[in-house]
C-alpha atoms as a PDB file:
ATOM      1  CA  UNK A   1     -10.266   9.815  -5.850  1.00  0.00           C
ATOM      2  CA  UNK A   2      -7.934   7.368  -6.269  1.00  0.00           C
ATOM      3  CA  UNK A   3      -4.307   7.342  -8.561  1.00  0.00           C
ATOM      4  CA  UNK A   4      -3.301   4.571 -10.918  1.00  0.00           C
ATOM      5  CA  UNK A   5       0.473   4.077 -10.084  1.00  0.00           C
ATOM      6  CA  UNK A   6       2.636   1.478 -10.771  1.00  0.00           C
ATOM      7  CA  UNK A   7       3.612  -0.807  -7.592  1.00  0.00           C
ATOM      8  CA  UNK A   8       6.436  -2.246  -7.751  1.00  0.00           C
ATOM      9  CA  UNK A   9       5.795  -5.115  -4.859  1.00  0.00           C
ATOM     10  CA  UNK A  10       2.531  -6.629  -7.352  1.00  0.00           C
ATOM     11  CA  UNK A  11       5.019  -6.191 -11.058  1.00  0.00           C
ATOM     12  CA  UNK A  12       1.891  -3.836 -11.834  1.00  0.00           C
ATOM     13  CA  UNK A  13      -0.056  -1.037 -11.494  1.00  0.00           C
ATOM     14  CA  UNK A  14      -3.478  -0.655  -8.785  1.00  0.00           C
ATOM     15  CA  UNK A  15      -5.478   1.565  -7.508  1.00  0.00           C
ATOM     16  CA  UNK A  16      -3.307   3.404  -4.934  1.00  0.00           C
ATOM     17  CA  UNK A  17      -5.734   5.674  -2.072  1.00  0.00           C
ATOM     18  CA  UNK A  18      -5.118   9.036  -0.868  1.00  0.00           C
ATOM     19  CA  UNK A  19      -5.423   9.168   2.597  1.00  0.00           C
ATOM     20  CA  UNK A  20      -8.637  10.132   3.389  1.00  0.00           C
ATOM     21  CA  UNK A  21      -9.221   6.567   1.514  1.00  0.00           C
ATOM     22  CA  UNK A  22      -6.304   4.958   3.925  1.00  0.00           C
ATOM     23  CA  UNK A  23      -8.318   6.107   6.937  1.00  0.00           C
ATOM     24  CA  UNK A  24     -11.540   4.677   5.528  1.00  0.00           C
ATOM     25  CA  UNK A  25     -10.763   1.193   3.807  1.00  0.00           C
ATOM     26  CA  UNK A  26      -8.774   1.406   7.286  1.00  0.00           C
ATOM     27  CA  UNK A  27      -6.454  -1.168   7.665  1.00  0.00           C
ATOM     28  CA  UNK A  28      -4.636  -0.976  10.714  1.00  0.00           C
ATOM     29  CA  UNK A  29      -7.871  -1.804  12.282  1.00  0.00           C
ATOM     30  CA  UNK A  30      -7.183  -4.615   9.996  1.00  0.00           C
ATOM     31  CA  UNK A  31      -4.218  -6.179  11.535  1.00  0.00           C
ATOM     32  CA  UNK A  32      -5.595  -5.520  15.241  1.00  0.00           C
ATOM     33  CA  UNK A  33      -8.238  -7.415  14.543  1.00  0.00           C
ATOM     34  CA  UNK A  34      -5.865 -10.363  12.995  1.00  0.00           C
ATOM     35  CA  UNK A  35      -3.343  -9.734  15.817  1.00  0.00           C
ATOM     36  CA  UNK A  36      -6.119 -10.593  18.294  1.00  0.00           C
ATOM     37  CA  UNK A  37      -7.897 -13.680  16.707  1.00  0.00           C
ATOM     38  CA  UNK A  38      -5.089 -14.769  16.241  1.00  0.00           C
ATOM     39  CA  UNK A  39      -3.918 -14.142  19.719  1.00  0.00           C
ATOM     40  CA  UNK A  40      -7.180 -15.528  21.216  1.00  0.00           C
ATOM     41  CA  UNK A  41      -7.382 -18.580  18.777  1.00  0.00           C
ATOM     42  CA  UNK A  42      -3.101 -19.668  18.563  1.00  0.00           C
ATOM     43  CA  UNK A  43      -4.438 -20.238  14.914  1.00  0.00           C
ATOM     44  CA  UNK A  44      -2.257 -19.710  11.757  1.00  0.00           C
ATOM     45  CA  UNK A  45      -2.556 -15.905   9.713  1.00  0.00           C
ATOM     46  CA  UNK A  46      -3.823 -18.292   6.776  1.00  0.00           C
ATOM     47  CA  UNK A  47      -6.001 -19.726   8.983  1.00  0.00           C
ATOM     48  CA  UNK A  48      -6.585 -15.568   9.797  1.00  0.00           C
ATOM     49  CA  UNK A  49      -8.185 -15.272   6.746  1.00  0.00           C
ATOM     50  CA  UNK A  50     -10.648 -17.793   5.991  1.00  0.00           C
ATOM     51  CA  UNK A  51     -12.139 -17.314   8.833  1.00  0.00           C
ATOM     52  CA  UNK A  52     -13.324 -14.236   6.606  1.00  0.00           C
ATOM     53  CA  UNK A  53     -11.367 -11.694   9.143  1.00  0.00           C
ATOM     54  CA  UNK A  54      -9.837  -8.383   6.041  1.00  0.00           C
ATOM     55  CA  UNK A  55     -12.760  -8.802   4.502  1.00  0.00           C
ATOM     56  CA  UNK A  56     -14.329  -6.004   5.611  1.00  0.00           C
ATOM     57  CA  UNK A  57     -11.252  -3.745   4.353  1.00  0.00           C
ATOM     58  CA  UNK A  58     -11.432  -6.035   1.219  1.00  0.00           C
ATOM     59  CA  UNK A  59     -14.819  -5.044   0.429  1.00  0.00           C
ATOM     60  CA  UNK A  60     -14.290  -1.458   1.257  1.00  0.00           C
ATOM     61  CA  UNK A  61     -10.775  -1.137  -0.917  1.00  0.00           C
ATOM     62  CA  UNK A  62     -13.096  -2.241  -4.052  1.00  0.00           C
ATOM     63  CA  UNK A  63     -15.397  -0.223  -3.211  1.00  0.00           C
ATOM     64  CA  UNK A  64     -13.585   3.125  -3.797  1.00  0.00           C
ATOM     65  CA  UNK A  65     -11.384   1.551  -6.179  1.00  0.00           C
ATOM     66  CA  UNK A  66     -13.188  -0.708  -8.430  1.00  0.00           C
ATOM     67  CA  UNK A  67     -10.534  -2.882  -7.770  1.00  0.00           C
ATOM     68  CA  UNK A  68     -10.689  -6.510  -6.207  1.00  0.00           C
ATOM     69  CA  UNK A  69      -8.530  -7.346  -3.527  1.00  0.00           C
ATOM     70  CA  UNK A  70      -7.923 -10.620  -3.291  1.00  0.00           C
ATOM     71  CA  UNK A  71      -5.099 -10.239  -0.319  1.00  0.00           C
ATOM     72  CA  UNK A  72      -5.919  -7.723   2.515  1.00  0.00           C
ATOM     73  CA  UNK A  73      -1.854  -7.642   2.902  1.00  0.00           C
ATOM     74  CA  UNK A  74      -0.957  -6.456  -0.527  1.00  0.00           C
ATOM     75  CA  UNK A  75      -3.896  -3.300   0.402  1.00  0.00           C
ATOM     76  CA  UNK A  76      -1.425  -1.982   3.365  1.00  0.00           C
ATOM     77  CA  UNK A  77       1.791  -1.195   0.816  1.00  0.00           C
ATOM     78  CA  UNK A  78      -1.475   0.676  -1.792  1.00  0.00           C
ATOM     79  CA  UNK A  79      -1.095   4.014  -0.137  1.00  0.00           C
ATOM     80  CA  UNK A  80      -0.126   6.914  -2.052  1.00  0.00           C
ATOM     81  CA  UNK A  81       1.944   8.714   0.601  1.00  0.00           C
ATOM     82  CA  UNK A  82       4.265   5.597   0.471  1.00  0.00           C
ATOM     83  CA  UNK A  83       5.953   7.113  -2.766  1.00  0.00           C
ATOM     84  CA  UNK A  84       8.050   8.496  -4.055  1.00  0.00           C
ATOM     85  CA  UNK A  85       7.757  10.964  -7.513  1.00  0.00           C
ATOM     86  CA  UNK A  86       7.405   9.065 -10.874  1.00  0.00           C
ATOM     87  CA  UNK A  87      11.381   8.763 -12.191  1.00  0.00           C
ATOM     88  CA  UNK A  88      12.816  10.605 -14.499  1.00  0.00           C
ATOM     89  CA  UNK A  89      13.860   7.468 -17.092  1.00  0.00           C
ATOM     90  CA  UNK A  90      11.330   5.828 -16.447  1.00  0.00           C
ATOM     91  CA  UNK A  91       8.453   7.007 -15.206  1.00  0.00           C
ATOM     92  CA  UNK A  92       7.163   3.980 -12.435  1.00  0.00           C
ATOM     93  CA  UNK A  93       7.226   5.860  -9.030  1.00  0.00           C
ATOM     94  CA  UNK A  94      10.385   5.834  -6.732  1.00  0.00           C
ATOM     95  CA  UNK A  95       9.389   2.737  -3.463  1.00  0.00           C
ATOM     96  CA  UNK A  96       9.706   5.768  -1.370  1.00  0.00           C
ATOM     97  CA  UNK A  97       9.073  10.109  -0.768  1.00  0.00           C
ATOM     98  CA  UNK A  98      13.171   9.822  -0.129  1.00  0.00           C
ATOM     99  CA  UNK A  99      14.575   7.351  -2.590  1.00  0.00           C
ATOM    100  CA  UNK A 100      17.832   8.985  -4.164  1.00  0.00           C
ATOM    101  CA  UNK A 101      17.327   7.027  -6.647  1.00  0.00           C
ATOM    102  CA  UNK A 102      14.970   4.245  -9.590  1.00  0.00           C
ATOM    103  CA  UNK A 103      14.926   0.708  -8.026  1.00  0.00           C
ATOM    104  CA  UNK A 104      13.060  -0.071 -11.419  1.00  0.00           C
ATOM    105  CA  UNK A 105      15.980   1.655 -13.559  1.00  0.00           C
ATOM    106  CA  UNK A 106      18.447   2.582 -11.252  1.00  0.00           C
ATOM    107  CA  UNK A 107      18.239   6.228 -12.480  1.00  0.00           C
ATOM    108  CA  UNK A 108      19.715   8.653  -9.864  1.00  0.00           C
ATOM    109  CA  UNK A 109      16.727  11.425  -8.187  1.00  0.00           C
ATOM    110  CA  UNK A 110      17.334  14.704  -9.902  1.00  0.00           C
ATOM    111  CA  UNK A 111      15.636  16.780  -7.682  1.00  0.00           C
ATOM    112  CA  UNK A 112      17.117  16.042  -4.346  1.00  0.00           C
ATOM    113  CA  UNK A 113      14.499  15.455  -1.152  1.00  0.00           C
ATOM    114  CA  UNK A 114      14.330  17.472   2.162  1.00  0.00           C
ATOM    115  CA  UNK A 115      15.892  15.187   4.976  1.00  0.00           C
ATOM    116  CA  UNK A 116      13.693  14.256   7.482  1.00  0.00           C
ATOM    117  CA  UNK A 117      11.615  17.346   9.746  1.00  0.00           C
ATOM    118  CA  UNK A 118      12.070  20.005   7.345  1.00  0.00           C
ATOM    119  CA  UNK A 119      15.546  22.095   5.460  1.00  0.00           C
END
């Protein structure tokens, strides 16, 4: 079940996907599809979108979240695992799991994130 979190890129609360949901929406397949289409046709990114590429990703996201997104690129950052815990001061999620301060209010993170690779 998607969880609604503040998205610092969109500047609003957005439905965020779990890893299982992310695999269903499969935006990585969308990226490969766009790259291949652009290589074959020489078109721009906006032309590829107008050709309907990314529509399957948008449809899957809407089916899971109930939110009608119009830009498949926005879905690339609507993934729970990309965000850190909520800020102790403002409640907005930290921008990354390793963030040391809140980019919204500049509060220092209270708990210390574990270093990459463990202990």
